[in-house]
Amino acid sequence: MKNALRELRAQRGLSQGALGKAVGVSRQTINAIETGRYQPSLPLAFGLARHFGIAIEELFHPEPGDLPA
């Protein structure tokens, strides 16, 4: 699943560590989400979207095959 986390974070001048602290996870977790190595839990995904003041669909973009039929 693609996401716009890196772009949103950069636009706001946040480090991975600062964003992680704001939403209660580690810098490594933010890095793993940004690089697509980790899919966040639903509560974390909503927390990230809430932090940026956007809908979850604006942050995460499923690719074909990511969603069940």
PDB file of N, CA and C in Angstrom:
ATOM      1  N   MET A   1       0.842  -1.167   0.000  1.00  0.00           N
ATOM      2  CA  MET A   1       0.000   0.000   0.000  1.00  0.00           C
ATOM      3  C   MET A   1       0.893   1.236   0.000  1.00  0.00           C
ATOM      4  N   LYS A   2       0.644   2.115  -0.902  1.00  0.00           N
ATOM      5  CA  LYS A   2       1.396   3.372  -0.983  1.00  0.00           C
ATOM      6  C   LYS A   2       0.851   4.352   0.049  1.00  0.00           C
ATOM      7  N   ASN A   3       1.698   5.309   0.425  1.00  0.00           N
ATOM      8  CA  ASN A   3       1.241   6.336   1.348  1.00  0.00           C
ATOM      9  C   ASN A   3       1.962   7.639   1.063  1.00  0.00           C
ATOM     10  N   ALA A   4       1.390   8.721   1.567  1.00  0.00           N
ATOM     11  CA  ALA A   4       1.942  10.060   1.358  1.00  0.00           C
ATOM     12  C   ALA A   4       2.604  10.583   2.626  1.00  0.00           C
ATOM     13  N   LEU A   5       2.976   9.684   3.522  1.00  0.00           N
ATOM     14  CA  LEU A   5       3.498  10.098   4.819  1.00  0.00           C
ATOM     15  C   LEU A   5       4.776  10.918   4.690  1.00  0.00           C
ATOM     16  N   ARG A   6       5.723  10.455   3.919  1.00  0.00           N
ATOM     17  CA  ARG A   6       7.003  11.174   3.775  1.00  0.00           C
ATOM     18  C   ARG A   6       6.778  12.593   3.242  1.00  0.00           C
ATOM     19  N   GLU A   7       5.930  12.727   2.230  1.00  0.00           N
ATOM     20  CA  GLU A   7       5.666  14.037   1.641  1.00  0.00           C
ATOM     21  C   GLU A   7       4.993  14.973   2.644  1.00  0.00           C
ATOM     22  N   LEU A   8       3.985  14.472   3.352  1.00  0.00           N
ATOM     23  CA  LEU A   8       3.294  15.306   4.334  1.00  0.00           C
ATOM     24  C   LEU A   8       4.233  15.722   5.463  1.00  0.00           C
ATOM     25  N   ARG A   9       5.040  14.784   5.912  1.00  0.00           N
ATOM     26  CA  ARG A   9       5.980  15.075   6.991  1.00  0.00           C
ATOM     27  C   ARG A   9       6.979  16.132   6.549  1.00  0.00           C
ATOM     28  N   ALA A  10       7.508  15.996   5.336  1.00  0.00           N
ATOM     29  CA  ALA A  10       8.487  16.953   4.819  1.00  0.00           C
ATOM     30  C   ALA A  10       7.870  18.338   4.631  1.00  0.00           C
ATOM     31  N   GLN A  11       6.639  18.384   4.138  1.00  0.00           N
ATOM     32  CA  GLN A  11       5.954  19.667   3.941  1.00  0.00           C
ATOM     33  C   GLN A  11       5.832  20.440   5.250  1.00  0.00           C
ATOM     34  N   ARG A  12       5.692  19.716   6.326  1.00  0.00           N
ATOM     35  CA  ARG A  12       5.524  20.361   7.636  1.00  0.00           C
ATOM     36  C   ARG A  12       6.830  20.483   8.409  1.00  0.00           C
ATOM     37  N   GLY A  13       7.913  20.056   7.793  1.00  0.00           N
ATOM     38  CA  GLY A  13       9.222  20.196   8.425  1.00  0.00           C
ATOM     39  C   GLY A  13       9.419  19.327   9.653  1.00  0.00           C
ATOM     40  N   LEU A  14       8.762  18.176   9.682  1.00  0.00           N
ATOM     41  CA  LEU A  14       8.872  17.262  10.817  1.00  0.00           C
ATOM     42  C   LEU A  14       9.922  16.192  10.553  1.00  0.00           C
ATOM     43  N   SER A  15      10.678  15.855  11.564  1.00  0.00           N
ATOM     44  CA  SER A  15      11.572  14.704  11.460  1.00  0.00           C
ATOM     45  C   SER A  15      10.748  13.444  11.705  1.00  0.00           C
ATOM     46  N   GLN A  16      11.314  12.303  11.339  1.00  0.00           N
ATOM     47  CA  GLN A  16      10.632  11.041  11.632  1.00  0.00           C
ATOM     48  C   GLN A  16      10.459  10.885  13.132  1.00  0.00           C
ATOM     49  N   GLY A  17      11.463  11.264  13.892  1.00  0.00           N
ATOM     50  CA  GLY A  17      11.387  11.156  15.349  1.00  0.00           C
ATOM     51  C   GLY A  17      10.303  12.031  15.946  1.00  0.00           C
ATOM     52  N   ALA A  18      10.195  13.262  15.443  1.00  0.00           N
ATOM     53  CA  ALA A  18       9.171  14.180  15.960  1.00  0.00           C
ATOM     54  C   ALA A  18       7.769  13.670  15.645  1.00  0.00           C
ATOM     55  N   LEU A  19       7.571  13.159  14.434  1.00  0.00           N
ATOM     56  CA  LEU A  19       6.260  12.621  14.073  1.00  0.00           C
ATOM     57  C   LEU A  19       5.952  11.383  14.909  1.00  0.00           C
ATOM     58  N   GLY A  20       6.938  10.513  15.053  1.00  0.00           N
ATOM     59  CA  GLY A  20       6.737   9.326  15.878  1.00  0.00           C
ATOM     60  C   GLY A  20       6.331   9.681  17.295  1.00  0.00           C
ATOM     61  N   LYS A  21       7.024  10.649  17.881  1.00  0.00           N
ATOM     62  CA  LYS A  21       6.703  11.075  19.249  1.00  0.00           C
ATOM     63  C   LYS A  21       5.283  11.639  19.332  1.00  0.00           C
ATOM     64  N   ALA A  22       4.880  12.392  18.308  1.00  0.00           N
ATOM     65  CA  ALA A  22       3.547  12.994  18.290  1.00  0.00           C
ATOM     66  C   ALA A  22       2.436  11.956  18.240  1.00  0.00           C
ATOM     67  N   VAL A  23       2.698  10.818  17.605  1.00  0.00           N
ATOM     68  CA  VAL A  23       1.646   9.798  17.473  1.00  0.00           C
ATOM     69  C   VAL A  23       1.911   8.562  18.326  1.00  0.00           C
ATOM     70  N   GLY A  24       2.999   8.589  19.102  1.00  0.00           N
ATOM     71  CA  GLY A  24       3.240   7.518  20.064  1.00  0.00           C
ATOM     72  C   GLY A  24       3.948   6.279  19.536  1.00  0.00           C
ATOM     73  N   VAL A  25       4.780   6.447  18.506  1.00  0.00           N
ATOM     74  CA  VAL A  25       5.557   5.323  17.982  1.00  0.00           C
ATOM     75  C   VAL A  25       7.010   5.769  17.812  1.00  0.00           C
ATOM     76  N   SER A  26       7.873   4.841  17.450  1.00  0.00           N
ATOM     77  CA  SER A  26       9.289   5.154  17.282  1.00  0.00           C
ATOM     78  C   SER A  26       9.576   5.753  15.904  1.00  0.00           C
ATOM     79  N   ARG A  27      10.742   6.364  15.790  1.00  0.00           N
ATOM     80  CA  ARG A  27      11.216   6.870  14.509  1.00  0.00           C
ATOM     81  C   ARG A  27      11.319   5.725  13.515  1.00  0.00           C
ATOM     82  N   GLN A  28      11.743   4.556  13.993  1.00  0.00           N
ATOM     83  CA  GLN A  28      11.899   3.397  13.122  1.00  0.00           C
ATOM     84  C   GLN A  28      10.551   2.964  12.538  1.00  0.00           C
ATOM     85  N   THR A  29       9.495   3.070  13.323  1.00  0.00           N
ATOM     86  CA  THR A  29       8.161   2.715  12.827  1.00  0.00           C
ATOM     87  C   THR A  29       7.742   3.665  11.722  1.00  0.00           C
ATOM     88  N   ILE A  30       7.981   4.959  11.914  1.00  0.00           N
ATOM     89  CA  ILE A  30       7.640   5.937  10.873  1.00  0.00           C
ATOM     90  C   ILE A  30       8.430   5.634   9.609  1.00  0.00           C
ATOM     91  N   ASN A  31       9.714   5.342   9.747  1.00  0.00           N
ATOM     92  CA  ASN A  31      10.543   5.003   8.593  1.00  0.00           C
ATOM     93  C   ASN A  31      10.003   3.769   7.878  1.00  0.00           C
ATOM     94  N   ALA A  32       9.629   2.751   8.630  1.00  0.00           N
ATOM     95  CA  ALA A  32       9.121   1.512   8.033  1.00  0.00           C
ATOM     96  C   ALA A  32       7.799   1.753   7.297  1.00  0.00           C
ATOM     97  N   ILE A  33       6.948   2.610   7.826  1.00  0.00           N
ATOM     98  CA  ILE A  33       5.692   2.934   7.138  1.00  0.00           C
ATOM     99  C   ILE A  33       6.000   3.683   5.848  1.00  0.00           C
ATOM    100  N   GLU A  34       6.878   4.683   5.929  1.00  0.00           N
ATOM    101  CA  GLU A  34       7.219   5.479   4.749  1.00  0.00           C
ATOM    102  C   GLU A  34       7.804   4.638   3.621  1.00  0.00           C
ATOM    103  N   THR A  35       8.599   3.642   3.964  1.00  0.00           N
ATOM    104  CA  THR A  35       9.245   2.815   2.946  1.00  0.00           C
ATOM    105  C   THR A  35       8.398   1.614   2.529  1.00  0.00           C
ATOM    106  N   GLY A  36       7.226   1.452   3.132  1.00  0.00           N
ATOM    107  CA  GLY A  36       6.332   0.365   2.759  1.00  0.00           C
ATOM    108  C   GLY A  36       6.685  -0.981   3.362  1.00  0.00           C
ATOM    109  N   ARG A  37       7.613  -0.992   4.330  1.00  0.00           N
ATOM    110  CA  ARG A  37       7.996  -2.254   4.970  1.00  0.00           C
ATOM    111  C   ARG A  37       7.046  -2.632   6.098  1.00  0.00           C
ATOM    112  N   TYR A  38       6.187  -1.703   6.504  1.00  0.00           N
ATOM    113  CA  TYR A  38       5.271  -1.959   7.620  1.00  0.00           C
ATOM    114  C   TYR A  38       3.939  -1.297   7.320  1.00  0.00           C
ATOM    115  N   GLN A  39       2.866  -2.046   7.496  1.00  0.00           N
ATOM    116  CA  GLN A  39       1.518  -1.503   7.356  1.00  0.00           C
ATOM    117  C   GLN A  39       1.013  -1.175   8.754  1.00  0.00           C
ATOM    118  N   PRO A  40       0.686   0.068   9.020  1.00  0.00           N
ATOM    119  CA  PRO A  40       0.280   0.440  10.370  1.00  0.00           C
ATOM    120  C   PRO A  40      -1.059  -0.176  10.760  1.00  0.00           C
ATOM    121  N   SER A  41      -1.238  -0.317  12.057  1.00  0.00           N
ATOM    122  CA  SER A  41      -2.538  -0.758  12.565  1.00  0.00           C
ATOM    123  C   SER A  41      -3.572   0.309  12.215  1.00  0.00           C
ATOM    124  N   LEU A  42      -4.822  -0.056  12.257  1.00  0.00           N
ATOM    125  CA  LEU A  42      -5.886   0.894  11.955  1.00  0.00           C
ATOM    126  C   LEU A  42      -5.865   2.082  12.917  1.00  0.00           C
ATOM    127  N   PRO A  43      -5.717   1.860  14.231  1.00  0.00           N
ATOM    128  CA  PRO A  43      -5.644   3.021  15.130  1.00  0.00           C
ATOM    129  C   PRO A  43      -4.464   3.946  14.809  1.00  0.00           C
ATOM    130  N   LEU A  44      -3.312   3.380  14.456  1.00  0.00           N
ATOM    131  CA  LEU A  44      -2.160   4.215  14.115  1.00  0.00           C
ATOM    132  C   LEU A  44      -2.414   4.964  12.811  1.00  0.00           C
ATOM    133  N   ALA A  45      -2.997   4.309  11.825  1.00  0.00           N
ATOM    134  CA  ALA A  45      -3.302   4.970  10.552  1.00  0.00           C
ATOM    135  C   ALA A  45      -4.248   6.150  10.775  1.00  0.00           C
ATOM    136  N   PHE A  46      -5.270   5.947  11.593  1.00  0.00           N
ATOM    137  CA  PHE A  46      -6.190   7.043  11.898  1.00  0.00           C
ATOM    138  C   PHE A  46      -5.483   8.145  12.676  1.00  0.00           C
ATOM    139  N   GLY A  47      -4.598   7.773  13.591  1.00  0.00           N
ATOM    140  CA  GLY A  47      -3.846   8.763  14.354  1.00  0.00           C
ATOM    141  C   GLY A  47      -2.951   9.615  13.467  1.00  0.00           C
ATOM    142  N   LEU A  48      -2.305   8.986  12.495  1.00  0.00           N
ATOM    143  CA  LEU A  48      -1.470   9.732  11.557  1.00  0.00           C
ATOM    144  C   LEU A  48      -2.318  10.695  10.719  1.00  0.00           C
ATOM    145  N   ALA A  49      -3.430  10.202  10.204  1.00  0.00           N
ATOM    146  CA  ALA A  49      -4.317  11.058   9.408  1.00  0.00           C
ATOM    147  C   ALA A  49      -4.833  12.218  10.250  1.00  0.00           C
ATOM    148  N   ARG A  50      -5.220  11.944  11.471  1.00  0.00           N
ATOM    149  CA  ARG A  50      -5.719  12.986  12.376  1.00  0.00           C
ATOM    150  C   ARG A  50      -4.627  14.022  12.642  1.00  0.00           C
ATOM    151  N   HIS A  51      -3.397  13.557  12.837  1.00  0.00           N
ATOM    152  CA  HIS A  51      -2.286  14.471  13.105  1.00  0.00           C
ATOM    153  C   HIS A  51      -2.120  15.480  11.962  1.00  0.00           C
ATOM    154  N   PHE A  52      -2.307  15.021  10.725  1.00  0.00           N
ATOM    155  CA  PHE A  52      -2.164  15.902   9.569  1.00  0.00           C
ATOM    156  C   PHE A  52      -3.461  16.594   9.180  1.00  0.00           C
ATOM    157  N   GLY A  53      -4.554  16.267   9.861  1.00  0.00           N
ATOM    158  CA  GLY A  53      -5.836  16.906   9.583  1.00  0.00           C
ATOM    159  C   GLY A  53      -6.425  16.520   8.241  1.00  0.00           C
ATOM    160  N   ILE A  54      -6.198  15.264   7.850  1.00  0.00           N
ATOM    161  CA  ILE A  54      -6.716  14.793   6.564  1.00  0.00           C
ATOM    162  C   ILE A  54      -7.464  13.477   6.761  1.00  0.00           C
ATOM    163  N   ALA A  55      -8.194  13.075   5.744  1.00  0.00           N
ATOM    164  CA  ALA A  55      -8.882  11.785   5.769  1.00  0.00           C
ATOM    165  C   ALA A  55      -7.854  10.676   5.558  1.00  0.00           C
ATOM    166  N   ILE A  56      -8.120   9.529   6.136  1.00  0.00           N
ATOM    167  CA  ILE A  56      -7.197   8.397   6.015  1.00  0.00           C
ATOM    168  C   ILE A  56      -6.968   8.020   4.552  1.00  0.00           C
ATOM    169  N   GLU A  57      -7.983   8.205   3.701  1.00  0.00           N
ATOM    170  CA  GLU A  57      -7.857   7.884   2.279  1.00  0.00           C
ATOM    171  C   GLU A  57      -6.899   8.832   1.558  1.00  0.00           C
ATOM    172  N   GLU A  58      -6.672  10.000   2.121  1.00  0.00           N
ATOM    173  CA  GLU A  58      -5.716  10.942   1.534  1.00  0.00           C
ATOM    174  C   GLU A  58      -4.278  10.568   1.887  1.00  0.00           C
ATOM    175  N   LEU A  59      -4.111   9.788   2.940  1.00  0.00           N
ATOM    176  CA  LEU A  59      -2.782   9.397   3.401  1.00  0.00           C
ATOM    177  C   LEU A  59      -2.346   8.049   2.834  1.00  0.00           C
ATOM    178  N   PHE A  60      -3.267   7.101   2.794  1.00  0.00           N
ATOM    179  CA  PHE A  60      -2.957   5.743   2.321  1.00  0.00           C
ATOM    180  C   PHE A  60      -3.706   5.460   1.030  1.00  0.00           C
ATOM    181  N   HIS A  61      -2.974   4.894   0.062  1.00  0.00           N
ATOM    182  CA  HIS A  61      -3.518   4.633  -1.273  1.00  0.00           C
ATOM    183  C   HIS A  61      -3.308   3.160  -1.622  1.00  0.00           C
ATOM    184  N   PRO A  62      -4.362   2.341  -1.488  1.00  0.00           N
ATOM    185  CA  PRO A  62      -4.205   0.921  -1.812  1.00  0.00           C
ATOM    186  C   PRO A  62      -3.910   0.699  -3.291  1.00  0.00           C
ATOM    187  N   GLU A  63      -3.106  -0.288  -3.558  1.00  0.00           N
ATOM    188  CA  GLU A  63      -2.791  -0.692  -4.928  1.00  0.00           C
ATOM    189  C   GLU A  63      -3.640  -1.909  -5.280  1.00  0.00           C
ATOM    190  N   PRO A  64      -3.763  -2.222  -6.564  1.00  0.00           N
ATOM    191  CA  PRO A  64      -4.506  -3.421  -6.937  1.00  0.00           C
ATOM    192  C   PRO A  64      -3.942  -4.632  -6.184  1.00  0.00           C
ATOM    193  N   GLY A  65      -4.819  -5.428  -5.651  1.00  0.00           N
ATOM    194  CA  GLY A  65      -4.395  -6.602  -4.912  1.00  0.00           C
ATOM    195  C   GLY A  65      -4.260  -6.370  -3.415  1.00  0.00           C
ATOM    196  N   ASP A  66      -4.255  -5.098  -2.966  1.00  0.00           N
ATOM    197  CA  ASP A  66      -4.162  -4.813  -1.540  1.00  0.00           C
ATOM    198  C   ASP A  66      -5.477  -5.062  -0.813  1.00  0.00           C
ATOM    199  N   LEU A  67      -6.572  -4.881  -1.524  1.00  0.00           N
ATOM    200  CA  LEU A  67      -7.887  -5.006  -0.912  1.00  0.00           C
ATOM    201  C   LEU A  67      -8.540  -6.312  -1.324  1.00  0.00           C
ATOM    202  N   PRO A  68      -9.290  -6.906  -0.402  1.00  0.00           N
ATOM    203  CA  PRO A  68      -9.980  -8.149  -0.766  1.00  0.00           C
ATOM    204  C   PRO A  68     -11.061  -7.878  -1.814  1.00  0.00           C
ATOM    205  N   ALA A  69     -11.374  -8.887  -2.581  1.00  0.00           N
ATOM    206  CA  ALA A  69     -12.378  -8.758  -3.644  1.00  0.00           C
ATOM    207  C   ALA A  69     -13.768  -8.649  -3.061  1.00  0.00           C
TER     208      ALA A  69
END
